[in-house]
Protein backbone atom coordinates (compact mmCIF):
# COMPACT_ATOMS: atom_id res chain seq x y z
CA MET A 1 -5.22 -61.30 -2.53
CA ALA A 2 -1.98 -61.81 -4.46
CA GLY A 3 1.01 -59.76 -3.32
CA VAL A 4 1.17 -56.10 -4.26
CA LYS A 5 3.10 -55.39 -7.47
CA ILE A 6 6.04 -52.97 -7.73
CA THR A 7 6.96 -50.40 -10.40
CA ASP A 8 10.51 -49.12 -9.94
CA THR A 9 11.10 -45.54 -11.09
CA VAL A 10 14.92 -45.48 -10.87
CA LEU A 11 15.40 -44.95 -14.62
CA ARG A 12 12.88 -42.07 -14.83
CA ASP A 13 11.20 -40.27 -11.93
CA ALA A 14 13.86 -41.09 -9.31
CA HIS A 15 16.64 -39.32 -11.20
CA GLN A 16 14.26 -36.63 -12.45
CA SER A 17 13.45 -35.85 -8.81
CA LEU A 18 16.99 -36.03 -7.39
CA ILE A 19 19.46 -35.10 -10.15
CA ALA A 20 17.36 -33.02 -12.58
CA THR A 21 16.97 -35.94 -15.05
CA ARG A 22 20.67 -36.15 -15.85
CA MET A 23 21.19 -39.93 -15.78
CA LYS A 24 22.74 -41.00 -19.08
CA THR A 25 21.83 -44.11 -21.05
CA GLU A 26 25.38 -45.39 -20.53
CA ASP A 27 24.71 -45.35 -16.76
CA MET A 28 21.51 -47.39 -17.22
CA LEU A 29 22.61 -50.19 -19.53
CA PRO A 30 25.19 -51.95 -17.28
CA ILE A 31 22.52 -52.69 -14.65
CA ALA A 32 19.58 -53.31 -17.01
CA GLU A 33 19.91 -57.12 -17.12
CA LYS A 34 19.84 -57.38 -13.32
CA LEU A 35 16.83 -55.05 -13.12
CA ASP A 36 15.10 -57.30 -15.66
CA GLU A 37 15.57 -60.31 -13.35
CA VAL A 38 13.84 -58.76 -10.30
CA GLY A 39 10.25 -59.53 -11.28
CA TYR A 40 8.92 -55.98 -11.17
CA TYR A 41 5.43 -55.30 -12.51
CA SER A 42 7.07 -52.62 -14.66
CA LEU A 43 10.02 -50.23 -14.84
CA GLU A 44 9.39 -46.57 -15.52
CA VAL A 45 12.10 -45.63 -18.01
CA TRP A 46 10.86 -42.82 -20.26
CA GLY A 47 8.68 -39.75 -20.52
CA GLY A 48 8.34 -36.94 -18.00
CA ALA A 49 11.37 -34.68 -18.42
CA THR A 50 13.69 -37.41 -19.80
CA PHE A 51 12.90 -36.55 -23.43
CA ASP A 52 13.75 -32.87 -23.08
CA SER A 53 16.80 -33.63 -20.93
CA CYS A 54 18.26 -36.13 -23.43
CA LEU A 55 18.12 -33.60 -26.27
CA ARG A 56 18.92 -30.44 -24.31
CA PHE A 57 21.61 -31.52 -21.86
CA LEU A 58 22.93 -34.99 -22.70
CA ASN A 59 23.22 -34.87 -26.52
CA GLU A 60 21.28 -38.12 -26.69
CA ASP A 61 18.42 -39.22 -28.88
CA PRO A 62 15.57 -40.18 -26.49
CA TRP A 63 14.20 -42.63 -29.07
CA GLU A 64 17.55 -44.39 -29.27
CA ARG A 65 17.63 -44.63 -25.46
CA LEU A 66 14.24 -46.34 -25.51
CA ARG A 67 15.31 -48.81 -28.22
CA LYS A 68 18.51 -49.68 -26.35
CA LEU A 69 16.63 -50.30 -23.10
CA ARG A 70 13.98 -52.36 -24.86
CA SER A 71 16.66 -54.58 -26.41
CA VAL A 72 17.92 -55.51 -22.91
CA PHE A 73 14.62 -55.79 -21.03
CA LYS A 74 13.20 -59.13 -22.15
CA LYS A 75 10.91 -59.90 -19.18
CA THR A 76 9.79 -56.60 -17.70
CA LYS A 77 7.15 -54.21 -19.00
CA LEU A 78 8.46 -50.72 -19.74
CA GLN A 79 6.42 -47.73 -18.68
CA MET A 80 6.41 -44.01 -19.43
CA LEU A 81 4.72 -40.80 -18.23
CA LEU A 82 2.80 -38.68 -20.77
CA ARG A 83 1.15 -35.30 -20.15
CA GLY A 84 -1.96 -36.02 -22.21
CA GLN A 85 -2.42 -33.44 -24.98
CA ASN A 86 0.86 -31.78 -23.83
CA LEU A 87 2.77 -35.04 -24.59
CA LEU A 88 6.23 -34.34 -23.11
CA GLY A 89 6.26 -30.62 -23.83
CA TYR A 90 4.64 -27.64 -22.15
CA LYS A 91 1.77 -26.77 -24.50
CA HIS A 92 -1.03 -28.57 -26.32
CA TYR A 93 -0.26 -30.38 -29.57
CA SER A 94 -2.64 -31.26 -32.39
CA ASP A 95 -4.36 -34.65 -32.39
CA ASP A 96 -2.31 -35.97 -35.34
CA VAL A 97 0.95 -35.26 -33.45
CA VAL A 98 -0.41 -36.93 -30.29
CA GLU A 99 -1.58 -40.01 -32.22
CA GLU A 100 1.72 -40.39 -34.08
CA PHE A 101 3.77 -39.85 -30.92
CA VAL A 102 1.88 -42.55 -29.02
CA LYS A 103 2.11 -44.97 -31.95
CA LYS A 104 5.88 -44.50 -32.27
CA THR A 105 6.35 -44.75 -28.50
CA ILE A 106 4.76 -48.20 -28.45
CA GLU A 107 6.58 -49.28 -31.64
CA ASN A 108 9.89 -48.36 -30.00
CA GLY A 109 9.25 -50.42 -26.89
CA ILE A 110 6.87 -48.90 -24.32
CA ASP A 111 4.18 -51.22 -22.93
CA ILE A 112 2.35 -48.99 -20.41
CA ILE A 113 1.61 -45.30 -20.94
CA ARG A 114 0.60 -43.38 -17.83
CA VAL A 115 -1.38 -40.38 -19.07
CA PHE A 116 -2.26 -37.40 -16.91
CA ASP A 117 -3.59 -33.88 -17.35
CA ALA A 118 -2.59 -30.98 -15.10
CA LEU A 119 -6.23 -29.96 -14.71
CA ASN A 120 -7.71 -33.47 -14.52
CA ASP A 121 -9.73 -32.49 -17.60
CA PRO A 122 -10.68 -35.84 -19.22
CA ARG A 123 -11.02 -34.14 -22.62
CA ASN A 124 -7.24 -33.64 -22.60
CA LEU A 125 -6.66 -37.40 -22.07
CA LYS A 126 -9.08 -38.68 -24.68
CA THR A 127 -6.81 -38.72 -27.74
CA SER A 128 -3.79 -40.29 -26.03
CA ILE A 129 -5.86 -43.01 -24.28
CA LYS A 130 -7.54 -43.91 -27.57
CA ALA A 131 -4.20 -43.89 -29.45
CA THR A 132 -2.53 -46.07 -26.79
CA LYS A 133 -5.23 -48.71 -27.03
CA LYS A 134 -5.23 -48.61 -30.83
CA ALA A 135 -1.46 -49.25 -30.86
CA GLY A 136 -1.84 -52.20 -28.46
CA GLY A 137 -0.48 -50.50 -25.34
CA HIS A 138 -1.83 -50.39 -21.77
CA ALA A 139 -3.46 -47.01 -21.12
CA GLN A 140 -3.09 -46.03 -17.48
CA ALA A 141 -5.08 -42.87 -16.71
CA ALA A 142 -3.58 -40.86 -13.87
CA ILE A 143 -5.47 -38.62 -11.48
CA SER A 144 -3.36 -35.63 -10.42
CA TYR A 145 -3.94 -35.63 -6.66
CA THR A 146 -4.37 -32.37 -4.81
CA THR A 147 -6.46 -31.00 -1.94
CA SER A 148 -8.87 -28.06 -1.89
CA PRO A 149 -12.46 -27.38 -0.80
CA VAL A 150 -13.61 -29.21 -3.97
CA HIS A 151 -11.00 -31.97 -4.35
CA ASN A 152 -12.52 -34.64 -2.14
CA ILE A 153 -13.09 -38.43 -2.27
CA ASP A 154 -16.32 -38.07 -4.28
CA TYR A 155 -14.59 -35.84 -6.86
CA TYR A 156 -11.84 -38.43 -7.42
CA VAL A 157 -14.24 -41.40 -7.57
CA LYS A 158 -16.40 -39.61 -10.17
CA LEU A 159 -13.28 -38.79 -12.21
CA ALA A 160 -11.98 -42.39 -12.02
CA LYS A 161 -15.33 -43.75 -13.22
CA GLU A 162 -15.25 -41.33 -16.16
CA LEU A 163 -11.70 -42.43 -17.08
CA GLU A 164 -12.66 -46.10 -16.85
CA LYS A 165 -15.57 -45.39 -19.21
CA MET A 166 -13.13 -43.69 -21.62
CA GLY A 167 -11.21 -46.98 -21.90
CA ALA A 168 -8.47 -46.68 -19.28
CA ASP A 169 -6.93 -50.10 -18.46
CA SER A 170 -5.90 -48.98 -14.96
CA ILE A 171 -5.99 -45.89 -12.75
CA CYS A 172 -3.01 -44.24 -11.08
CA ILE A 173 -3.41 -41.90 -8.12
CA LYS A 174 -0.53 -39.53 -8.88
CA ASP A 175 0.53 -37.65 -5.75
CA MET A 176 3.32 -35.43 -7.08
CA SER A 177 3.74 -33.38 -3.89
CA GLY A 178 3.68 -36.20 -1.31
CA ILE A 179 0.53 -34.81 0.35
CA LEU A 180 -1.79 -37.85 0.19
CA LEU A 181 -2.31 -38.75 3.86
CA PRO A 182 -2.35 -42.43 4.96
CA TYR A 183 -5.96 -42.61 6.14
CA THR A 184 -7.21 -40.53 3.21
CA ALA A 185 -5.45 -43.01 0.90
CA TYR A 186 -7.17 -45.88 2.71
CA GLU A 187 -10.58 -44.28 2.24
CA LEU A 188 -9.93 -43.22 -1.37
CA VAL A 189 -8.59 -46.60 -2.53
CA GLY A 190 -11.34 -48.47 -0.67
CA LYS A 191 -14.03 -46.36 -2.36
CA LEU A 192 -12.39 -46.73 -5.79
CA LYS A 193 -12.16 -50.52 -5.42
CA SER A 194 -15.90 -50.66 -4.73
CA GLU A 195 -16.78 -48.43 -7.70
CA ILE A 196 -14.40 -49.42 -10.53
CA LYS A 197 -13.20 -52.76 -11.87
CA ILE A 198 -9.75 -51.85 -13.23
CA PRO A 199 -6.48 -52.03 -11.17
CA ILE A 200 -5.29 -49.10 -9.05
CA GLN A 201 -1.67 -47.94 -8.80
CA ILE A 202 -0.30 -45.45 -6.25
CA HIS A 203 2.45 -42.96 -7.05
CA SER A 204 3.80 -40.62 -4.37
CA HIS A 205 6.98 -38.75 -3.40
CA PHE A 206 8.80 -38.95 -0.08
CA THR A 207 9.15 -35.14 0.05
CA SER A 208 7.01 -34.69 3.17
CA GLY A 209 8.14 -37.94 4.85
CA ILE A 210 4.75 -39.70 4.85
CA ALA A 211 4.67 -41.71 1.61
CA ASN A 212 5.70 -45.04 3.22
CA GLN A 213 2.73 -44.91 5.60
CA THR A 214 0.45 -43.80 2.76
CA TYR A 215 1.53 -46.79 0.67
CA MET A 216 0.89 -49.23 3.53
CA LYS A 217 -2.65 -47.96 4.09
CA ALA A 218 -3.35 -47.87 0.32
CA ILE A 219 -2.16 -51.50 0.03
CA GLU A 220 -4.39 -52.56 2.94
CA ALA A 221 -7.34 -50.93 1.14
CA GLY A 222 -6.61 -52.93 -2.03
CA ALA A 223 -4.12 -50.95 -4.15
CA ASP A 224 -2.69 -53.30 -6.80
CA VAL A 225 0.64 -51.62 -7.63
CA ILE A 226 2.93 -49.07 -5.92
CA ASP A 227 5.76 -46.93 -7.33
CA THR A 228 9.11 -47.19 -5.52
CA ALA A 229 12.74 -46.34 -6.28
CA ILE A 230 15.82 -48.43 -5.42
CA SER A 231 17.21 -46.91 -2.19
CA PRO A 232 20.31 -44.97 -3.40
CA LEU A 233 17.95 -42.90 -5.60
CA GLY A 234 14.89 -43.25 -3.38
CA MET A 235 13.37 -41.05 -0.67
CA GLY A 236 13.89 -37.28 -0.48
CA THR A 237 11.91 -35.79 -3.38
CA SER A 238 11.92 -39.23 -5.06
CA GLN A 239 9.73 -42.29 -4.28
CA PRO A 240 9.87 -44.50 -1.14
CA ALA A 241 12.79 -46.98 -1.21
CA THR A 242 12.02 -50.28 -2.95
CA GLU A 243 13.89 -52.51 -0.48
CA SER A 244 12.28 -50.94 2.60
CA MET A 245 8.77 -51.36 1.18
CA ILE A 246 9.42 -54.98 0.21
CA VAL A 247 10.79 -55.90 3.64
CA SER A 248 7.88 -54.07 5.33
CA LEU A 249 5.43 -56.32 3.44
CA LYS A 250 7.40 -59.54 3.92
CA GLY A 251 5.42 -62.48 5.29
CA SER A 252 2.09 -60.67 4.85
CA GLN A 253 -0.62 -61.39 2.30
CA TYR A 254 0.72 -58.37 0.38
CA ASP A 255 4.32 -59.69 0.08
CA PRO A 256 5.55 -58.86 -3.46
CA GLY A 257 7.87 -61.90 -3.29
CA LEU A 258 10.89 -60.11 -4.81
CA ASP A 259 14.49 -61.23 -4.17
CA LEU A 260 16.01 -58.86 -1.59
CA ASN A 261 19.59 -60.07 -2.26
CA LEU A 262 19.29 -59.21 -5.94
CA LEU A 263 17.88 -55.79 -5.03
CA LEU A 264 20.83 -55.18 -2.69
CA GLU A 265 23.25 -55.98 -5.55
CA ILE A 266 21.40 -53.48 -7.75
CA ALA A 267 21.49 -50.93 -4.92
CA ASP A 268 25.31 -51.28 -4.74
CA TYR A 269 25.54 -50.30 -8.42
CA PHE A 270 23.37 -47.21 -7.88
CA LYS A 271 25.29 -46.30 -4.68
CA ASP A 272 28.44 -45.89 -6.76
CA LEU A 273 26.50 -43.84 -9.31
CA ARG A 274 25.07 -41.65 -6.56
CA GLU A 275 28.61 -40.89 -5.30
CA LYS A 276 29.58 -39.94 -8.85
CA TYR A 277 26.58 -37.59 -9.13
CA LYS A 278 27.47 -35.99 -5.79
CA LYS A 279 31.04 -35.34 -6.95
CA GLU A 280 29.74 -33.86 -10.20
CA GLY A 281 27.45 -31.55 -8.20
CA LEU A 282 24.32 -33.05 -9.78
CA LEU A 283 22.94 -34.34 -6.48
CA ASN A 284 22.27 -31.58 -3.96
CA PRO A 285 21.91 -33.11 -0.45
CA LYS A 286 19.01 -30.68 0.13
CA VAL A 287 16.71 -32.80 -2.06
CA LEU A 288 17.21 -35.74 0.32
CA GLU A 289 15.79 -33.85 3.30
CA VAL A 290 12.19 -34.20 4.47
CA ASN A 291 10.32 -30.94 3.86
CA ALA A 292 7.16 -30.87 5.99
CA LYS A 293 6.23 -27.45 4.56
CA THR A 294 5.04 -29.37 1.51
CA LEU A 295 2.05 -30.45 3.57
CA LYS A 296 1.09 -26.80 4.06
CA TYR A 297 1.93 -25.25 0.68
CA GLN A 298 1.60 -28.37 -1.57
CA VAL A 299 4.68 -27.31 -3.51
CA PRO A 300 6.40 -30.31 -5.19
CA GLY A 301 10.21 -30.62 -4.92
CA GLY A 302 10.89 -29.58 -8.53
CA MET A 303 8.71 -26.50 -8.13
CA LEU A 304 10.58 -25.51 -4.94
CA SER A 305 13.94 -25.52 -6.75
CA ASN A 306 12.40 -23.51 -9.65
CA LEU A 307 11.15 -20.86 -7.23
CA VAL A 308 14.59 -20.62 -5.63
CA SER A 309 16.31 -20.11 -9.01
CA GLN A 310 13.71 -17.54 -10.18
CA LEU A 311 14.17 -15.54 -6.98
CA GLN A 312 17.96 -15.82 -7.16
CA SER A 313 17.95 -14.39 -10.69
CA GLN A 314 15.88 -11.42 -9.39
CA GLY A 315 18.17 -11.00 -6.36
CA ALA A 316 15.11 -11.60 -4.17
CA LEU A 317 15.86 -14.85 -2.35
CA ASP A 318 14.89 -13.16 0.93
CA LYS A 319 11.28 -13.19 -0.33
CA PHE A 320 11.16 -17.02 -0.57
CA GLU A 321 8.78 -17.46 2.41
CA GLN A 322 6.45 -14.76 1.09
CA VAL A 323 6.32 -16.50 -2.29
CA LEU A 324 5.53 -19.84 -0.62
CA GLU A 325 2.63 -18.14 1.19
CA GLU A 326 1.45 -16.56 -2.07
CA VAL A 327 1.29 -19.91 -3.92
CA PRO A 328 -1.94 -21.17 -2.22
CA ARG A 329 -3.57 -17.75 -2.79
CA VAL A 330 -2.77 -17.76 -6.52
CA ARG A 331 -3.92 -21.37 -6.73
CA GLU A 332 -7.26 -20.43 -5.18
CA ASP A 333 -7.60 -17.45 -7.58
CA LEU A 334 -7.01 -19.77 -10.54
CA GLY A 335 -9.61 -22.38 -9.55
CA TYR A 336 -7.44 -24.75 -7.48
CA PRO A 337 -5.36 -26.41 -10.23
CA PRO A 338 -3.15 -29.33 -9.08
CA LEU A 339 0.50 -28.20 -8.88
CA VAL A 340 1.92 -30.37 -11.63
CA THR A 341 3.56 -29.44 -14.97
CA PRO A 342 2.65 -27.04 -16.54
CA MET A 343 0.34 -25.63 -13.82
CA SER A 344 3.10 -25.69 -11.18
CA GLN A 345 5.23 -23.43 -13.41
CA ILE A 346 2.28 -21.09 -14.15
CA VAL A 347 1.24 -20.73 -10.49
CA GLY A 348 4.87 -20.51 -9.30
CA THR A 349 5.90 -17.80 -11.76
CA GLN A 350 2.77 -15.75 -11.06
CA SER A 351 3.44 -16.01 -7.31
CA VAL A 352 7.01 -14.74 -7.82
CA PHE A 353 5.76 -11.77 -9.91
CA ASN A 354 3.06 -10.90 -7.36
CA VAL A 355 5.58 -10.79 -4.49
CA VAL A 356 8.62 -9.28 -6.24
CA LEU A 357 6.61 -6.49 -7.96
CA GLY A 358 4.69 -5.74 -4.75
CA GLU A 359 1.34 -5.77 -6.57
CA ARG A 360 -0.78 -8.82 -7.38
CA TYR A 361 -1.25 -9.51 -11.12
CA LYS A 362 0.56 -6.32 -12.14
CA MET A 363 2.44 -8.53 -14.60
CA VAL A 364 0.93 -11.76 -15.94
CA PRO A 365 2.88 -14.25 -18.11
CA THR A 366 1.32 -15.34 -21.42
CA GLU A 367 0.87 -18.91 -20.12
CA ALA A 368 -1.24 -17.69 -17.19
CA LYS A 369 -3.36 -15.59 -19.56
CA ASN A 370 -3.86 -18.58 -21.87
CA TYR A 371 -4.88 -20.73 -18.92
CA VAL A 372 -7.50 -18.16 -17.83
CA LYS A 373 -8.70 -17.99 -21.47
CA GLY A 374 -9.45 -21.73 -21.29
CA LEU A 375 -6.65 -22.80 -23.61
CA TYR A 376 -5.31 -25.44 -21.20
CA GLY A 377 -8.71 -26.91 -20.30
CA LYS A 378 -11.37 -26.46 -17.67
CA PRO A 379 -10.43 -25.34 -14.13
CA THR A 380 -11.93 -27.42 -11.32
CA VAL A 381 -13.67 -24.30 -9.98
CA PRO A 382 -14.68 -21.37 -12.24
CA ILE A 383 -12.24 -18.47 -11.94
CA LYS A 384 -13.76 -15.52 -10.10
CA GLU A 385 -14.84 -12.68 -12.37
CA GLU A 386 -12.62 -10.03 -10.75
CA ILE A 387 -9.52 -12.23 -11.16
CA ARG A 388 -10.42 -13.07 -14.76
CA LYS A 389 -10.91 -9.36 -15.57
CA LYS A 390 -7.61 -8.45 -13.92
CA ILE A 391 -5.77 -11.05 -16.01
CA ILE A 392 -7.49 -10.98 -19.44
CA GLY A 393 -9.89 -8.02 -19.28
CA ASP A 394 -12.94 -8.61 -21.48
CA GLU A 395 -11.35 -11.30 -23.65
CA GLU A 396 -13.54 -14.30 -24.33
CA VAL A 397 -13.04 -17.59 -22.44
CA TYR A 398 -12.97 -20.74 -24.59
CA THR A 399 -15.00 -23.60 -23.09
CA GLY A 400 -14.40 -26.35 -25.67
CA ARG A 401 -11.60 -28.95 -25.81
CA PRO A 402 -8.42 -26.88 -26.41
CA ALA A 403 -7.02 -29.26 -29.08
CA ASP A 404 -10.16 -28.73 -31.22
CA LEU A 405 -8.75 -25.29 -32.04
CA MET A 406 -5.64 -26.84 -33.61
CA GLU A 407 -5.09 -27.80 -37.23
CA PRO A 408 -3.13 -30.99 -38.11
CA GLU A 409 0.59 -30.19 -37.93
CA LEU A 410 2.62 -33.27 -38.91
CA ASP A 411 3.00 -32.64 -42.66
CA LYS A 412 4.01 -29.02 -42.12
CA LEU A 413 6.57 -30.05 -39.47
CA ARG A 414 8.05 -32.71 -41.78
CA LYS A 415 8.63 -30.12 -44.51
CA GLU A 416 10.24 -27.70 -42.06
CA ILE A 417 12.99 -30.14 -41.07
CA SER A 418 13.31 -32.34 -44.16
CA GLU A 419 17.10 -31.72 -44.32
CA TYR A 420 17.61 -33.19 -40.84
CA ILE A 421 15.31 -36.22 -40.88
CA GLU A 422 17.12 -39.52 -40.34
CA GLN A 423 14.19 -41.42 -38.77
CA ASP A 424 10.42 -40.89 -38.61
CA GLU A 425 10.71 -40.05 -34.90
CA ASP A 426 12.79 -36.92 -35.61
CA VAL A 427 9.62 -35.07 -36.66
CA LEU A 428 8.12 -35.75 -33.23
CA SER A 429 11.25 -34.57 -31.41
CA TYR A 430 11.04 -31.37 -33.45
CA ALA A 431 7.30 -30.98 -32.80
CA LEU A 432 7.88 -31.03 -29.04
CA PHE A 433 11.09 -29.01 -28.74
CA PRO A 434 11.76 -27.20 -32.06
CA GLN A 435 14.97 -25.30 -31.28
CA VAL A 436 16.40 -27.90 -28.90
CA ALA A 437 15.78 -30.68 -31.45
CA ILE A 438 17.41 -28.67 -34.28
CA ASN A 439 20.48 -28.11 -32.08
CA TYR A 440 20.64 -31.84 -31.41
CA PHE A 441 20.23 -32.72 -35.12
CA LYS A 442 23.12 -30.36 -35.96
CA TYR A 443 25.24 -31.97 -33.24
CA ARG A 444 24.35 -35.42 -34.59
CA GLN A 445 25.37 -34.45 -38.12
CA ALA A 446 28.62 -32.87 -36.88
CA GLU A 447 29.49 -35.99 -34.90
CA ARG A 448 28.86 -38.21 -37.92
CA TYR A 449 30.87 -35.90 -40.19
CA LYS A 450 33.78 -35.97 -37.72
CA ILE A 451 33.78 -39.78 -37.76
CA ASP A 452 33.62 -39.87 -41.56
CA THR A 453 36.51 -37.41 -41.85
CA ASN A 454 38.66 -39.57 -39.58
CA LEU A 455 37.89 -42.61 -41.71
CA LEU A 456 38.89 -40.70 -44.82
CA ASN A 457 42.16 -39.64 -43.20
CA GLU A 458 42.90 -43.26 -42.32
CA GLU A 459 42.16 -44.35 -45.87
CA PHE A 460 44.38 -41.78 -47.54
CA LYS A 461 47.36 -42.34 -45.24
CA THR A 462 48.30 -45.33 -47.40
CA TYR A 463 47.90 -43.42 -50.66
CA PRO A 464 50.43 -40.56 -50.67
CA VAL A 465 49.77 -38.13 -53.50
């Protein structure tokens, strides 16, 4: 077997996990050429929360970031994370928006699109997989890994076979909480390799402290690619450190053959950045700690920090442990959804309400009601009748593909923001985050106007009236 391949997540999931997705494009570009020389299988640079964060917090155009990165990366494939029919937002979008988004993503420079659905409902992956292949991209279908009485090896193998049949070019086992155990990984990957023909990639987080061992066993079972992050932004709630994994495999049949000295130079650059983020208060040392409770409650790092902030705003931080204990109960009530966006937010918020109000399901957010109504897709296990009645009463549950309820939206969206459009992609930014995108477009216009005004002032200095 050739050496295992490496995807480095430093420009996407690593900083999403450790510094709330606040790395700016200007911090990425100086090191891009060196990253391009490493010989990675791919670099994850876009998607996930980066799109929202660019517009909302950094006053950056995410499309422009992608184009700038693509112009520097000449040798390495660029990869992104897409939430299936949710794209990069938190609700379902119509098929025409999904198709256009995928097309523009590939036109602007993405090679590999990793597509997942929070419920592992293949119907929610169908449109984006098809659109990726049509646009000439590599469609990697991700399985959101979780454990429950029904989430077992056979369940995942059956799902992987279905995704392969749908046209997936590779399968990713996406372990967002860091709960995939080493010997389970060995069994799962081994079974997948015997049942499907396409490559298998492993993605985990170091949150619980076991991901290194999980990767080693997955590699021994035949995993083709693993996700790592260069060490200054690795470990903690991020991915295992790239350098450590490479050295661990050195001299074996799995040796990725990457240049450690070059990686150490790159690490020095990110060390300086990490110090800057610490000083700015973006990097909380807490996210670098191993949290073994993850193995019990399955709560990913990002969800933990959300629960803390929700409880703080209610003045109920003393109820944190109770909420953690409530999470698995709510998850069971709701049919064991994997705790990944948007299900992690839905389960987390409901758990907070149940504990803080002292009565379970006394208050239910709209998103939780919509989930129970079937508007996010099909739960792994049918929701018990008494829970369904408590949440939505006698309202009907929709069993079809949620996006089939949606009319095409693109033309309407274009009309709504015609005054702001400067590129085709602006319509897609607006589709995903309407108010946030409008705020950014206004900022963009103001910045341009400011520059133009300065130029005018310069010009008229030489022409006194």
